[in-house]
Amino acid sequence: MMILNAVVTTAGTFTGPTYQLREPAGHGPPMFLGFQETFTYGSGGTTVDVYVQTSFDGGVTWCDAIHFAQLALASARFVAAVGEAGLGPAVAATDGTLAVNTVTAGMFGSWWRVYLGRD
């Protein structure tokens, strides 16, 4: 499934549509999700930050699960996965501020979206 396919021509922040995970009949909920980011550089701007975010409250608030490597003036492709985990200690729920090139273990809600910022 593709959760964001966008052409961004100006600086700013953008969010993709939301996607809700649902438990299929007769099966347990998914334990891991894999994400692939494919970035094709066009022109202008200096950097693009792409976050995969999850929500535990139906989309009222969002938490960064993945912050891909910061993109600059070249095309690139990255892959990351996030899974349910009972790991501690608790981590801060960030919204667009997770450190670059980071995956937060256990940040796994039922709602998902992509958030990106372009300079």
N, C-alpha and C. Protein backbone atom coordinates (compact mmCIF):
# COMPACT_ATOMS: atom_id res chain seq x y z
N MET A 1 0.84 -1.16 0.00
CA MET A 1 0.00 0.00 0.00
C MET A 1 0.89 1.23 0.00
N MET A 2 0.43 2.26 -0.64
CA MET A 2 1.15 3.52 -0.67
C MET A 2 0.39 4.51 0.20
N ILE A 3 1.07 5.09 1.21
CA ILE A 3 0.35 6.02 2.08
C ILE A 3 0.65 7.48 1.78
N LEU A 4 1.60 7.76 0.90
CA LEU A 4 1.79 9.12 0.43
C LEU A 4 2.56 9.10 -0.88
N ASN A 5 2.02 9.78 -1.86
CA ASN A 5 2.70 9.99 -3.13
C ASN A 5 2.48 11.46 -3.45
N ALA A 6 3.50 12.28 -3.26
CA ALA A 6 3.30 13.72 -3.37
C ALA A 6 4.44 14.38 -4.12
N VAL A 7 4.10 15.46 -4.80
CA VAL A 7 5.08 16.35 -5.39
C VAL A 7 5.04 17.62 -4.55
N VAL A 8 6.17 17.96 -3.95
CA VAL A 8 6.23 19.12 -3.08
C VAL A 8 7.09 20.17 -3.76
N THR A 9 6.50 21.32 -4.05
CA THR A 9 7.21 22.35 -4.81
C THR A 9 7.55 23.58 -3.98
N THR A 10 7.07 23.65 -2.74
CA THR A 10 7.35 24.81 -1.89
C THR A 10 7.76 24.35 -0.50
N ALA A 11 8.42 25.26 0.22
CA ALA A 11 8.81 24.96 1.59
C ALA A 11 7.56 24.86 2.46
N GLY A 12 7.62 24.04 3.49
CA GLY A 12 6.48 23.92 4.40
C GLY A 12 6.39 22.53 4.97
N THR A 13 5.30 22.25 5.69
CA THR A 13 5.04 20.93 6.22
C THR A 13 3.77 20.39 5.59
N PHE A 14 3.76 19.08 5.38
CA PHE A 14 2.66 18.42 4.67
C PHE A 14 2.36 17.09 5.35
N THR A 15 1.10 16.69 5.35
CA THR A 15 0.73 15.38 5.88
C THR A 15 -0.06 14.62 4.82
N GLY A 16 0.16 13.32 4.80
CA GLY A 16 -0.59 12.46 3.89
C GLY A 16 -1.89 12.03 4.53
N PRO A 17 -2.69 11.28 3.79
CA PRO A 17 -3.94 10.76 4.35
C PRO A 17 -3.65 9.75 5.46
N THR A 18 -4.62 9.52 6.32
CA THR A 18 -4.45 8.55 7.40
C THR A 18 -4.84 7.16 6.93
N TYR A 19 -4.23 6.17 7.54
CA TYR A 19 -4.50 4.77 7.25
C TYR A 19 -4.72 4.06 8.58
N GLN A 20 -5.80 3.29 8.69
CA GLN A 20 -6.08 2.58 9.93
C GLN A 20 -5.81 1.10 9.78
N LEU A 21 -5.03 0.55 10.71
CA LEU A 21 -4.81 -0.90 10.74
C LEU A 21 -6.03 -1.56 11.38
N ARG A 22 -6.47 -2.63 10.78
CA ARG A 22 -7.59 -3.38 11.35
C ARG A 22 -7.19 -4.85 11.46
N GLU A 23 -7.66 -5.45 12.50
CA GLU A 23 -7.34 -6.86 12.73
C GLU A 23 -8.19 -7.73 11.82
N PRO A 24 -7.56 -8.52 10.94
CA PRO A 24 -8.33 -9.38 10.04
C PRO A 24 -9.03 -10.49 10.81
N ALA A 25 -10.20 -10.89 10.34
CA ALA A 25 -10.96 -11.96 10.99
C ALA A 25 -10.12 -13.24 11.06
N GLY A 26 -10.07 -13.83 12.24
CA GLY A 26 -9.37 -15.09 12.41
C GLY A 26 -7.87 -14.97 12.55
N HIS A 27 -7.36 -13.76 12.57
CA HIS A 27 -5.91 -13.55 12.69
C HIS A 27 -5.64 -12.52 13.78
N GLY A 28 -4.45 -12.54 14.30
CA GLY A 28 -4.07 -11.52 15.26
C GLY A 28 -3.67 -10.24 14.54
N PRO A 29 -3.48 -9.19 15.29
CA PRO A 29 -3.07 -7.92 14.67
C PRO A 29 -1.65 -8.02 14.13
N PRO A 30 -1.29 -7.17 13.18
CA PRO A 30 0.08 -7.18 12.67
C PRO A 30 1.07 -6.82 13.77
N MET A 31 2.23 -7.43 13.74
CA MET A 31 3.24 -7.18 14.75
C MET A 31 4.32 -6.23 14.26
N PHE A 32 4.52 -6.18 12.94
CA PHE A 32 5.54 -5.32 12.34
C PHE A 32 4.98 -4.68 11.08
N LEU A 33 5.45 -3.50 10.77
CA LEU A 33 5.14 -2.84 9.51
C LEU A 33 6.45 -2.39 8.89
N GLY A 34 6.59 -2.64 7.59
CA GLY A 34 7.77 -2.18 6.86
C GLY A 34 7.40 -1.00 5.99
N PHE A 35 8.30 -0.04 5.88
CA PHE A 35 8.07 1.16 5.09
C PHE A 35 9.24 1.40 4.16
N GLN A 36 8.94 1.78 2.95
CA GLN A 36 9.97 2.15 1.99
C GLN A 36 9.73 3.59 1.57
N GLU A 37 10.77 4.38 1.63
CA GLU A 37 10.70 5.76 1.19
C GLU A 37 11.48 5.85 -0.11
N THR A 38 10.84 6.35 -1.14
CA THR A 38 11.51 6.59 -2.42
C THR A 38 11.39 8.08 -2.71
N PHE A 39 12.51 8.74 -2.82
CA PHE A 39 12.56 10.19 -3.01
C PHE A 39 13.20 10.48 -4.36
N THR A 40 12.52 11.24 -5.17
CA THR A 40 13.06 11.67 -6.45
C THR A 40 13.24 13.18 -6.41
N TYR A 41 14.48 13.61 -6.49
CA TYR A 41 14.76 15.04 -6.42
C TYR A 41 14.34 15.72 -7.71
N GLY A 42 13.68 16.85 -7.55
CA GLY A 42 13.28 17.66 -8.69
C GLY A 42 14.19 18.87 -8.79
N SER A 43 13.84 19.93 -8.07
CA SER A 43 14.67 21.13 -8.05
C SER A 43 14.28 21.98 -6.85
N GLY A 44 15.16 22.90 -6.49
CA GLY A 44 14.89 23.85 -5.42
C GLY A 44 14.95 23.22 -4.05
N GLY A 45 14.89 24.07 -3.02
CA GLY A 45 14.91 23.59 -1.65
C GLY A 45 16.27 23.09 -1.23
N THR A 46 16.39 22.78 0.05
CA THR A 46 17.67 22.28 0.57
C THR A 46 17.54 20.90 1.20
N THR A 47 16.48 20.66 1.99
CA THR A 47 16.32 19.36 2.62
C THR A 47 14.85 18.99 2.71
N VAL A 48 14.61 17.67 2.83
CA VAL A 48 13.27 17.14 3.08
C VAL A 48 13.39 16.15 4.23
N ASP A 49 12.52 16.29 5.22
CA ASP A 49 12.45 15.36 6.34
C ASP A 49 11.16 14.58 6.23
N VAL A 50 11.27 13.24 6.23
CA VAL A 50 10.09 12.38 6.11
C VAL A 50 9.94 11.56 7.39
N TYR A 51 8.76 11.68 8.00
CA TYR A 51 8.42 10.96 9.21
C TYR A 51 7.26 10.02 8.92
N VAL A 52 7.30 8.81 9.47
CA VAL A 52 6.13 7.95 9.52
C VAL A 52 5.61 8.08 10.93
N GLN A 53 4.34 8.46 11.06
CA GLN A 53 3.77 8.72 12.37
C GLN A 53 2.61 7.78 12.66
N THR A 54 2.40 7.54 13.95
CA THR A 54 1.30 6.69 14.39
C THR A 54 0.49 7.43 15.44
N SER A 55 -0.76 7.03 15.60
CA SER A 55 -1.63 7.66 16.59
C SER A 55 -2.28 6.57 17.44
N PHE A 56 -2.33 6.83 18.73
CA PHE A 56 -2.96 5.91 19.68
C PHE A 56 -4.37 6.36 20.06
N ASP A 57 -4.77 7.54 19.58
CA ASP A 57 -6.06 8.11 19.98
C ASP A 57 -6.93 8.50 18.78
N GLY A 58 -6.85 7.72 17.72
CA GLY A 58 -7.71 7.95 16.56
C GLY A 58 -7.33 9.16 15.73
N GLY A 59 -6.10 9.64 15.84
CA GLY A 59 -5.65 10.75 15.02
C GLY A 59 -5.74 12.11 15.69
N VAL A 60 -6.06 12.14 16.98
CA VAL A 60 -6.09 13.42 17.69
C VAL A 60 -4.67 13.94 17.86
N THR A 61 -3.75 13.06 18.28
CA THR A 61 -2.34 13.41 18.39
C THR A 61 -1.52 12.38 17.63
N TRP A 62 -0.33 12.79 17.17
CA TRP A 62 0.53 11.92 16.36
C TRP A 62 1.90 11.81 16.99
N CYS A 63 2.51 10.63 16.86
CA CYS A 63 3.82 10.33 17.42
C CYS A 63 4.73 9.83 16.31
N ASP A 64 5.97 10.31 16.30
CA ASP A 64 6.94 9.86 15.30
C ASP A 64 7.35 8.41 15.59
N ALA A 65 7.18 7.55 14.60
CA ALA A 65 7.68 6.17 14.70
C ALA A 65 8.99 6.03 13.95
N ILE A 66 9.10 6.71 12.80
CA ILE A 66 10.30 6.66 11.96
C ILE A 66 10.60 8.06 11.47
N HIS A 67 11.88 8.44 11.50
CA HIS A 67 12.35 9.63 10.80
C HIS A 67 13.46 9.15 9.88
N PHE A 68 13.16 9.10 8.60
CA PHE A 68 14.14 8.61 7.63
C PHE A 68 15.34 9.54 7.57
N ALA A 69 16.41 9.06 6.97
CA ALA A 69 17.59 9.90 6.76
C ALA A 69 17.18 11.17 6.04
N GLN A 70 17.76 12.29 6.45
CA GLN A 70 17.39 13.57 5.85
C GLN A 70 17.79 13.59 4.38
N LEU A 71 16.88 14.04 3.56
CA LEU A 71 17.09 14.04 2.11
C LEU A 71 17.55 15.41 1.67
N ALA A 72 18.47 15.44 0.73
CA ALA A 72 19.00 16.71 0.26
C ALA A 72 18.80 16.81 -1.26
N LEU A 73 19.85 17.04 -1.98
CA LEU A 73 19.75 17.33 -3.41
C LEU A 73 20.03 16.13 -4.29
N ALA A 74 19.63 14.94 -3.86
CA ALA A 74 19.83 13.74 -4.66
C ALA A 74 18.68 12.78 -4.42
N SER A 75 18.37 11.98 -5.40
CA SER A 75 17.33 10.96 -5.24
C SER A 75 17.86 9.87 -4.31
N ALA A 76 16.96 9.21 -3.58
CA ALA A 76 17.38 8.20 -2.62
C ALA A 76 16.23 7.26 -2.31
N ARG A 77 16.58 6.09 -1.74
CA ARG A 77 15.58 5.13 -1.28
C ARG A 77 16.04 4.55 0.04
N PHE A 78 15.13 4.50 1.01
CA PHE A 78 15.43 3.97 2.34
C PHE A 78 14.32 3.02 2.75
N VAL A 79 14.65 2.06 3.62
CA VAL A 79 13.68 1.11 4.14
C VAL A 79 13.83 1.09 5.66
N ALA A 80 12.69 1.02 6.37
CA ALA A 80 12.69 0.90 7.83
C ALA A 80 11.48 0.10 8.25
N ALA A 81 11.54 -0.49 9.43
CA ALA A 81 10.41 -1.25 9.96
C ALA A 81 10.20 -0.86 11.41
N VAL A 82 8.95 -0.92 11.83
CA VAL A 82 8.61 -0.66 13.22
C VAL A 82 7.71 -1.79 13.69
N GLY A 83 7.86 -2.18 14.94
CA GLY A 83 7.06 -3.29 15.44
C GLY A 83 6.58 -3.05 16.85
N GLU A 84 5.60 -3.87 17.24
CA GLU A 84 5.14 -3.82 18.62
C GLU A 84 6.25 -4.36 19.50
N ALA A 85 6.46 -3.71 20.60
CA ALA A 85 7.51 -4.16 21.51
C ALA A 85 7.15 -3.75 22.93
N GLY A 86 7.53 -4.58 23.86
CA GLY A 86 7.32 -4.27 25.26
C GLY A 86 8.60 -3.80 25.89
N LEU A 87 9.35 -3.02 25.16
CA LEU A 87 10.66 -2.59 25.63
C LEU A 87 10.54 -1.34 26.48
N GLY A 88 11.42 -1.19 27.42
CA GLY A 88 11.45 0.01 28.24
C GLY A 88 12.82 0.63 28.13
N PRO A 89 13.04 1.75 28.62
CA PRO A 89 12.09 2.60 29.32
C PRO A 89 11.15 3.31 28.35
N ALA A 90 10.17 4.01 28.90
CA ALA A 90 9.25 4.78 28.07
C ALA A 90 10.03 5.84 27.28
N VAL A 91 9.53 6.16 26.10
CA VAL A 91 10.18 7.17 25.26
C VAL A 91 9.22 8.35 25.08
N ALA A 92 9.79 9.50 24.82
CA ALA A 92 8.98 10.70 24.59
C ALA A 92 8.21 10.56 23.28
N ALA A 93 6.97 10.99 23.28
CA ALA A 93 6.15 11.00 22.07
C ALA A 93 6.41 12.31 21.35
N THR A 94 7.17 12.25 20.26
CA THR A 94 7.51 13.46 19.51
C THR A 94 6.60 13.58 18.29
N ASP A 95 6.43 14.78 17.81
CA ASP A 95 5.61 15.05 16.63
C ASP A 95 6.41 15.94 15.69
N GLY A 96 7.15 15.28 14.78
CA GLY A 96 7.96 16.03 13.82
C GLY A 96 9.30 16.47 14.36
N THR A 97 9.76 15.86 15.46
CA THR A 97 11.05 16.26 16.04
C THR A 97 11.96 15.08 16.37
N LEU A 98 11.58 13.85 16.00
CA LEU A 98 12.43 12.68 16.25
C LEU A 98 13.77 12.87 15.54
N ALA A 99 14.85 12.43 16.17
CA ALA A 99 16.18 12.58 15.58
C ALA A 99 16.24 11.93 14.20
N VAL A 100 17.05 12.51 13.34
CA VAL A 100 17.20 12.01 11.97
C VAL A 100 17.70 10.57 11.98
N ASN A 101 17.16 9.77 11.05
CA ASN A 101 17.60 8.39 10.85
C ASN A 101 17.36 7.53 12.09
N THR A 102 16.13 7.64 12.66
CA THR A 102 15.79 6.95 13.90
C THR A 102 14.48 6.20 13.74
N VAL A 103 14.41 5.02 14.37
CA VAL A 103 13.17 4.26 14.48
C VAL A 103 12.89 4.09 15.97
N THR A 104 11.65 4.37 16.40
CA THR A 104 11.28 4.25 17.81
C THR A 104 10.62 2.89 18.03
N ALA A 105 11.32 1.99 18.73
CA ALA A 105 10.79 0.65 18.98
C ALA A 105 9.53 0.74 19.82
N GLY A 106 8.50 0.02 19.42
CA GLY A 106 7.27 -0.05 20.19
C GLY A 106 6.28 1.06 19.91
N MET A 107 6.63 2.04 19.10
CA MET A 107 5.71 3.13 18.75
C MET A 107 4.80 2.60 17.66
N PHE A 108 3.69 1.95 18.06
CA PHE A 108 2.88 1.17 17.12
C PHE A 108 1.41 1.32 17.47
N GLY A 109 0.78 2.37 16.95
CA GLY A 109 -0.65 2.58 17.15
C GLY A 109 -1.46 1.98 16.01
N SER A 110 -2.75 2.24 16.00
CA SER A 110 -3.59 1.68 14.94
C SER A 110 -3.81 2.63 13.77
N TRP A 111 -3.42 3.89 13.92
CA TRP A 111 -3.54 4.87 12.83
C TRP A 111 -2.15 5.28 12.38
N TRP A 112 -1.99 5.49 11.06
CA TRP A 112 -0.68 5.81 10.47
C TRP A 112 -0.83 6.91 9.44
N ARG A 113 0.24 7.70 9.28
CA ARG A 113 0.31 8.72 8.23
C ARG A 113 1.77 9.05 7.98
N VAL A 114 2.01 9.81 6.91
CA VAL A 114 3.33 10.35 6.62
C VAL A 114 3.26 11.86 6.81
N TYR A 115 4.29 12.39 7.46
CA TYR A 115 4.43 13.82 7.68
C TYR A 115 5.76 14.22 7.09
N LEU A 116 5.79 15.27 6.31
CA LEU A 116 7.08 15.70 5.78
C LEU A 116 7.23 17.19 5.85
N GLY A 117 8.48 17.59 5.99
CA GLY A 117 8.82 19.01 6.02
C GLY A 117 9.88 19.29 4.99
N ARG A 118 9.75 20.41 4.29
CA ARG A 118 10.71 20.79 3.27
C ARG A 118 11.20 22.19 3.54
N ASP A 119 12.52 22.35 3.49
CA ASP A 119 13.14 23.69 3.61
C ASP A 119 13.41 24.25 2.23
